[in-house]
Amino acid sequence: MPDAPLDTLSMGMSDDLEAAVLEGATLVRLGTAIFGARQMP
């Protein structure tokens, strides 16, 4: 979307980090990479 007037492009999460950066993401969620997997009750 090169003509879209957006200043933030949020794509991907921890497992998609490299692909998201290569695609031009300006915001990537890294919770699992920083805090580890969630503990399910």
PDB file of N, CA and C in Angstrom:
ATOM      1  N   MET A   1       0.831  -1.176   0.000  1.00  0.00           N
ATOM      2  CA  MET A   1       0.000   0.000   0.000  1.00  0.00           C
ATOM      3  C   MET A   1       0.880   1.245   0.000  1.00  0.00           C
ATOM      4  N   PRO A   2       1.665   1.429  -1.007  1.00  0.00           N
ATOM      5  CA  PRO A   2       2.607   2.549  -1.029  1.00  0.00           C
ATOM      6  C   PRO A   2       1.958   3.926  -1.018  1.00  0.00           C
ATOM      7  N   ASP A   3       0.714   4.057  -1.446  1.00  0.00           N
ATOM      8  CA  ASP A   3       0.074   5.371  -1.483  1.00  0.00           C
ATOM      9  C   ASP A   3      -0.813   5.642  -0.274  1.00  0.00           C
ATOM     10  N   ALA A   4      -0.904   4.707   0.656  1.00  0.00           N
ATOM     11  CA  ALA A   4      -1.740   4.895   1.842  1.00  0.00           C
ATOM     12  C   ALA A   4      -1.054   5.863   2.804  1.00  0.00           C
ATOM     13  N   PRO A   5      -1.807   6.820   3.363  1.00  0.00           N
ATOM     14  CA  PRO A   5      -1.220   7.805   4.281  1.00  0.00           C
ATOM     15  C   PRO A   5      -1.090   7.247   5.701  1.00  0.00           C
ATOM     16  N   LEU A   6      -0.262   6.234   5.882  1.00  0.00           N
ATOM     17  CA  LEU A   6      -0.088   5.601   7.184  1.00  0.00           C
ATOM     18  C   LEU A   6       1.325   5.843   7.692  1.00  0.00           C
ATOM     19  N   ASP A   7       1.455   6.049   9.016  1.00  0.00           N
ATOM     20  CA  ASP A   7       2.795   6.210   9.579  1.00  0.00           C
ATOM     21  C   ASP A   7       3.222   4.991  10.391  1.00  0.00           C
ATOM     22  N   THR A   8       2.300   4.056  10.605  1.00  0.00           N
ATOM     23  CA  THR A   8       2.604   2.836  11.341  1.00  0.00           C
ATOM     24  C   THR A   8       2.107   1.641  10.551  1.00  0.00           C
ATOM     25  N   LEU A   9       2.963   0.648  10.410  1.00  0.00           N
ATOM     26  CA  LEU A   9       2.583  -0.588   9.749  1.00  0.00           C
ATOM     27  C   LEU A   9       2.892  -1.720  10.715  1.00  0.00           C
ATOM     28  N   SER A  10       1.864  -2.250  11.368  1.00  0.00           N
ATOM     29  CA  SER A  10       2.020  -3.316  12.350  1.00  0.00           C
ATOM     30  C   SER A  10       1.790  -4.656  11.680  1.00  0.00           C
ATOM     31  N   MET A  11       2.833  -5.476  11.637  1.00  0.00           N
ATOM     32  CA  MET A  11       2.731  -6.804  11.026  1.00  0.00           C
ATOM     33  C   MET A  11       3.528  -7.789  11.857  1.00  0.00           C
ATOM     34  N   GLY A  12       2.934  -8.906  12.164  1.00  0.00           N
ATOM     35  CA  GLY A  12       3.664  -9.999  12.768  1.00  0.00           C
ATOM     36  C   GLY A  12       3.827  -9.934  14.265  1.00  0.00           C
ATOM     37  N   MET A  13       4.364 -11.038  14.755  1.00  0.00           N
ATOM     38  CA  MET A  13       4.644 -11.196  16.167  1.00  0.00           C
ATOM     39  C   MET A  13       6.019 -11.853  16.268  1.00  0.00           C
ATOM     40  N   SER A  14       6.374 -12.358  17.428  1.00  0.00           N
ATOM     41  CA  SER A  14       7.717 -12.894  17.652  1.00  0.00           C
ATOM     42  C   SER A  14       8.171 -13.885  16.585  1.00  0.00           C
ATOM     43  N   ASP A  15       7.306 -14.825  16.211  1.00  0.00           N
ATOM     44  CA  ASP A  15       7.695 -15.849  15.231  1.00  0.00           C
ATOM     45  C   ASP A  15       7.834 -15.295  13.822  1.00  0.00           C
ATOM     46  N   ASP A  16       7.281 -14.123  13.569  1.00  0.00           N
ATOM     47  CA  ASP A  16       7.299 -13.520  12.237  1.00  0.00           C
ATOM     48  C   ASP A  16       8.249 -12.329  12.138  1.00  0.00           C
ATOM     49  N   LEU A  17       9.090 -12.135  13.119  1.00  0.00           N
ATOM     50  CA  LEU A  17       9.912 -10.926  13.213  1.00  0.00           C
ATOM     51  C   LEU A  17      10.686 -10.633  11.936  1.00  0.00           C
ATOM     52  N   GLU A  18      11.452 -11.584  11.453  1.00  0.00           N
ATOM     53  CA  GLU A  18      12.288 -11.321  10.275  1.00  0.00           C
ATOM     54  C   GLU A  18      11.450 -10.985   9.048  1.00  0.00           C
ATOM     55  N   ALA A  19      10.378 -11.732   8.816  1.00  0.00           N
ATOM     56  CA  ALA A  19       9.516 -11.476   7.656  1.00  0.00           C
ATOM     57  C   ALA A  19       8.850 -10.115   7.771  1.00  0.00           C
ATOM     58  N   ALA A  20       8.395  -9.755   8.966  1.00  0.00           N
ATOM     59  CA  ALA A  20       7.726  -8.468   9.162  1.00  0.00           C
ATOM     60  C   ALA A  20       8.681  -7.310   8.878  1.00  0.00           C
ATOM     61  N   VAL A  21       9.903  -7.407   9.361  1.00  0.00           N
ATOM     62  CA  VAL A  21      10.892  -6.350   9.130  1.00  0.00           C
ATOM     63  C   VAL A  21      11.221  -6.255   7.642  1.00  0.00           C
ATOM     64  N   LEU A  22      11.400  -7.391   6.993  1.00  0.00           N
ATOM     65  CA  LEU A  22      11.693  -7.380   5.559  1.00  0.00           C
ATOM     66  C   LEU A  22      10.562  -6.759   4.746  1.00  0.00           C
ATOM     67  N   GLU A  23       9.331  -6.879   5.229  1.00  0.00           N
ATOM     68  CA  GLU A  23       8.175  -6.321   4.526  1.00  0.00           C
ATOM     69  C   GLU A  23       7.916  -4.863   4.884  1.00  0.00           C
ATOM     70  N   GLY A  24       8.725  -4.296   5.791  1.00  0.00           N
ATOM     71  CA  GLY A  24       8.604  -2.880   6.104  1.00  0.00           C
ATOM     72  C   GLY A  24       7.812  -2.534   7.344  1.00  0.00           C
ATOM     73  N   ALA A  25       7.586  -3.501   8.223  1.00  0.00           N
ATOM     74  CA  ALA A  25       6.836  -3.226   9.447  1.00  0.00           C
ATOM     75  C   ALA A  25       7.554  -2.169  10.283  1.00  0.00           C
ATOM     76  N   THR A  26       6.782  -1.279  10.879  1.00  0.00           N
ATOM     77  CA  THR A  26       7.343  -0.288  11.793  1.00  0.00           C
ATOM     78  C   THR A  26       6.982  -0.622  13.230  1.00  0.00           C
ATOM     79  N   LEU A  27       6.164  -1.663  13.432  1.00  0.00           N
ATOM     80  CA  LEU A  27       5.751  -2.104  14.764  1.00  0.00           C
ATOM     81  C   LEU A  27       5.574  -3.613  14.724  1.00  0.00           C
ATOM     82  N   VAL A  28       6.295  -4.325  15.599  1.00  0.00           N
ATOM     83  CA  VAL A  28       6.187  -5.774  15.685  1.00  0.00           C
ATOM     84  C   VAL A  28       6.039  -6.133  17.155  1.00  0.00           C
ATOM     85  N   ARG A  29       5.085  -7.015  17.472  1.00  0.00           N
ATOM     86  CA  ARG A  29       4.869  -7.437  18.855  1.00  0.00           C
ATOM     87  C   ARG A  29       5.845  -8.557  19.198  1.00  0.00           C
ATOM     88  N   LEU A  30       6.620  -8.374  20.268  1.00  0.00           N
ATOM     89  CA  LEU A  30       7.680  -9.320  20.618  1.00  0.00           C
ATOM     90  C   LEU A  30       7.491  -9.964  21.981  1.00  0.00           C
ATOM     91  N   GLY A  31       6.283 -10.077  22.457  1.00  0.00           N
ATOM     92  CA  GLY A  31       6.029 -10.612  23.796  1.00  0.00           C
ATOM     93  C   GLY A  31       6.683 -11.952  24.066  1.00  0.00           C
ATOM     94  N   THR A  32       6.455 -12.931  23.199  1.00  0.00           N
ATOM     95  CA  THR A  32       7.010 -14.264  23.415  1.00  0.00           C
ATOM     96  C   THR A  32       8.532 -14.249  23.355  1.00  0.00           C
ATOM     97  N   ALA A  33       9.105 -13.469  22.472  1.00  0.00           N
ATOM     98  CA  ALA A  33      10.565 -13.398  22.352  1.00  0.00           C
ATOM     99  C   ALA A  33      11.198 -12.827  23.618  1.00  0.00           C
ATOM    100  N   ILE A  34      10.483 -11.946  24.297  1.00  0.00           N
ATOM    101  CA  ILE A  34      11.017 -11.310  25.504  1.00  0.00           C
ATOM    102  C   ILE A  34      10.645 -12.088  26.764  1.00  0.00           C
ATOM    103  N   PHE A  35       9.363 -12.469  26.883  1.00  0.00           N
ATOM    104  CA  PHE A  35       8.849 -13.055  28.119  1.00  0.00           C
ATOM    105  C   PHE A  35       8.692 -14.567  28.088  1.00  0.00           C
ATOM    106  N   GLY A  36       8.854 -15.188  26.926  1.00  0.00           N
ATOM    107  CA  GLY A  36       8.663 -16.626  26.812  1.00  0.00           C
ATOM    108  C   GLY A  36       7.209 -16.981  26.552  1.00  0.00           C
ATOM    109  N   ALA A  37       6.964 -18.270  26.383  1.00  0.00           N
ATOM    110  CA  ALA A  37       5.609 -18.744  26.092  1.00  0.00           C
ATOM    111  C   ALA A  37       4.694 -18.526  27.292  1.00  0.00           C
ATOM    112  N   ARG A  38       3.423 -18.327  27.005  1.00  0.00           N
ATOM    113  CA  ARG A  38       2.431 -18.151  28.072  1.00  0.00           C
ATOM    114  C   ARG A  38       2.206 -19.470  28.796  1.00  0.00           C
ATOM    115  N   GLN A  39       1.977 -19.375  30.077  1.00  0.00           N
ATOM    116  CA  GLN A  39       1.620 -20.538  30.878  1.00  0.00           C
ATOM    117  C   GLN A  39       0.105 -20.644  30.916  1.00  0.00           C
ATOM    118  N   MET A  40      -0.434 -21.692  30.320  1.00  0.00           N
ATOM    119  CA  MET A  40      -1.882 -21.888  30.310  1.00  0.00           C
ATOM    120  C   MET A  40      -2.307 -22.572  31.608  1.00  0.00           C
ATOM    121  N   PRO A  41      -3.412 -22.115  32.184  1.00  0.00           N
ATOM    122  CA  PRO A  41      -3.884 -22.728  33.455  1.00  0.00           C
ATOM    123  C   PRO A  41      -4.344 -24.156  33.273  1.00  0.00           C
TER     124      PRO A  41
END
